[in-house]
Amino acid sequence: MVKIMWFHETNKRSLIKAITYRVYQSFVITPIIAYVLTGNTLLAFKFSLLEFLVKIPAYYLFERLWSLIPHGYRRKG
C-alpha cells in the first residue's frame, strides 16, 4: 500500500523555483532563440534581461495561484 503524504509548498520554495527556472530560461534558452531570429548578440541579451525582470514576478504569482487550486489532489481515505 502506498502511503500518501500531503505537503504544502512554502512561499520561499516557490520563489527559489521561479528564480532558478527563469535564470535558465532567460540566460540560456532565450538568447539562443533571439540570436537565431535576429543575428544580433547584444539585442538577444537585452531581450533576455527584460524577460527576466518581467517573468520572475509573473511565474511566482502563477505558482502561488496554482497552490490554491485543489484540482489533481485526492482526499485521504
C-alpha atoms as a PDB file:
ATOM      1  CA  MET A   1       0.000   0.000   0.000  1.00  0.00           C
ATOM      2  CA  VAL A   2       1.281   3.444  -0.921  1.00  0.00           C
ATOM      3  CA  LYS A   3       1.265   5.984   1.864  1.00  0.00           C
ATOM      4  CA  ILE A   4       0.230   9.422   0.607  1.00  0.00           C
ATOM      5  CA  MET A   5       1.773  12.380   2.387  1.00  0.00           C
ATOM      6  CA  TRP A   6       0.441  15.876   1.892  1.00  0.00           C
ATOM      7  CA  PHE A   7       2.877  18.727   1.636  1.00  0.00           C
ATOM      8  CA  HIS A   8       2.290  22.392   1.075  1.00  0.00           C
ATOM      9  CA  GLU A   9       4.910  24.266  -0.889  1.00  0.00           C
ATOM     10  CA  THR A  10       6.231  27.277   1.006  1.00  0.00           C
ATOM     11  CA  ASN A  11       6.433  30.777  -0.433  1.00  0.00           C
ATOM     12  CA  LYS A  12      10.228  30.581  -0.197  1.00  0.00           C
ATOM     13  CA  ARG A  13      10.355  27.358  -2.237  1.00  0.00           C
ATOM     14  CA  SER A  14       8.077  28.847  -4.919  1.00  0.00           C
ATOM     15  CA  LEU A  15      10.287  31.921  -5.130  1.00  0.00           C
ATOM     16  CA  ILE A  16      13.509  29.877  -5.404  1.00  0.00           C
ATOM     17  CA  LYS A  17      11.960  27.683  -8.110  1.00  0.00           C
ATOM     18  CA  ALA A  18      10.808  30.756 -10.012  1.00  0.00           C
ATOM     19  CA  ILE A  19      14.242  32.385  -9.889  1.00  0.00           C
ATOM     20  CA  THR A  20      16.249  29.309 -10.898  1.00  0.00           C
ATOM     21  CA  TYR A  21      13.856  28.425 -13.699  1.00  0.00           C
ATOM     22  CA  ARG A  22      13.877  31.964 -15.000  1.00  0.00           C
ATOM     23  CA  VAL A  23      17.690  32.258 -14.896  1.00  0.00           C
ATOM     24  CA  TYR A  24      17.931  29.109 -17.006  1.00  0.00           C
ATOM     25  CA  GLN A  25      15.264  30.210 -19.469  1.00  0.00           C
ATOM     26  CA  SER A  26      16.334  33.854 -19.693  1.00  0.00           C
ATOM     27  CA  PHE A  27      20.089  33.452 -19.916  1.00  0.00           C
ATOM     28  CA  VAL A  28      20.385  30.165 -21.804  1.00  0.00           C
ATOM     29  CA  ILE A  29      17.314  29.448 -23.918  1.00  0.00           C
ATOM     30  CA  THR A  30      16.044  32.936 -24.779  1.00  0.00           C
ATOM     31  CA  PRO A  31      19.372  34.346 -26.023  1.00  0.00           C
ATOM     32  CA  ILE A  32      19.783  31.371 -28.331  1.00  0.00           C
ATOM     33  CA  ILE A  33      16.331  31.842 -29.812  1.00  0.00           C
ATOM     34  CA  ALA A  34      16.681  35.636 -30.039  1.00  0.00           C
ATOM     35  CA  TYR A  35      20.101  35.325 -31.681  1.00  0.00           C
ATOM     36  CA  VAL A  36      18.800  32.820 -34.223  1.00  0.00           C
ATOM     37  CA  LEU A  37      15.955  35.200 -35.080  1.00  0.00           C
ATOM     38  CA  THR A  38      17.922  38.468 -35.125  1.00  0.00           C
ATOM     39  CA  GLY A  39      21.584  37.567 -35.606  1.00  0.00           C
ATOM     40  CA  ASN A  40      22.361  40.253 -33.005  1.00  0.00           C
ATOM     41  CA  THR A  41      24.074  39.084 -29.802  1.00  0.00           C
ATOM     42  CA  LEU A  42      23.607  42.348 -27.876  1.00  0.00           C
ATOM     43  CA  LEU A  43      19.907  42.524 -28.724  1.00  0.00           C
ATOM     44  CA  ALA A  44      19.487  38.888 -27.710  1.00  0.00           C
ATOM     45  CA  PHE A  45      20.919  39.539 -24.232  1.00  0.00           C
ATOM     46  CA  LYS A  46      18.996  42.795 -23.775  1.00  0.00           C
ATOM     47  CA  PHE A  47      15.799  40.909 -24.522  1.00  0.00           C
ATOM     48  CA  SER A  48      16.858  38.216 -22.047  1.00  0.00           C
ATOM     49  CA  LEU A  49      17.369  40.740 -19.257  1.00  0.00           C
ATOM     50  CA  LEU A  50      13.982  42.343 -19.863  1.00  0.00           C
ATOM     51  CA  GLU A  51      12.311  38.951 -19.953  1.00  0.00           C
ATOM     52  CA  PHE A  52      13.978  38.002 -16.667  1.00  0.00           C
ATOM     53  CA  LEU A  53      12.753  41.125 -14.886  1.00  0.00           C
ATOM     54  CA  VAL A  54       9.158  40.695 -16.095  1.00  0.00           C
ATOM     55  CA  LYS A  55       8.697  36.952 -15.827  1.00  0.00           C
ATOM     56  CA  ILE A  56      10.005  36.331 -12.284  1.00  0.00           C
ATOM     57  CA  PRO A  57       7.040  38.023 -10.609  1.00  0.00           C
ATOM     58  CA  ALA A  58       4.656  36.576 -13.205  1.00  0.00           C
ATOM     59  CA  TYR A  59       5.821  33.000 -12.592  1.00  0.00           C
ATOM     60  CA  TYR A  60       5.811  33.428  -8.809  1.00  0.00           C
ATOM     61  CA  LEU A  61       2.209  34.655  -8.924  1.00  0.00           C
ATOM     62  CA  PHE A  62       1.248  31.774 -11.217  1.00  0.00           C
ATOM     63  CA  GLU A  63       2.784  29.221  -8.813  1.00  0.00           C
ATOM     64  CA  ARG A  64       1.049  30.718  -5.783  1.00  0.00           C
ATOM     65  CA  LEU A  65      -2.335  30.751  -7.538  1.00  0.00           C
ATOM     66  CA  TRP A  66      -1.967  27.105  -8.566  1.00  0.00           C
ATOM     67  CA  SER A  67      -1.134  26.162  -4.993  1.00  0.00           C
ATOM     68  CA  LEU A  68      -4.657  27.302  -4.073  1.00  0.00           C
ATOM     69  CA  ILE A  69      -6.372  25.089  -6.663  1.00  0.00           C
ATOM     70  CA  PRO A  70      -7.266  21.618  -5.343  1.00  0.00           C
ATOM     71  CA  HIS A  71      -7.536  20.070  -8.830  1.00  0.00           C
ATOM     72  CA  GLY A  72      -5.410  16.962  -9.152  1.00  0.00           C
ATOM     73  CA  TYR A  73      -5.249  16.144  -5.440  1.00  0.00           C
ATOM     74  CA  ARG A  74      -7.035  13.217  -3.848  1.00  0.00           C
ATOM     75  CA  ARG A  75      -8.516  13.240  -0.406  1.00  0.00           C
ATOM     76  CA  LYS A  76      -7.193  10.759   2.116  1.00  0.00           C
ATOM     77  CA  GLY A  77      -9.403   7.852   2.995  1.00  0.00           C
END
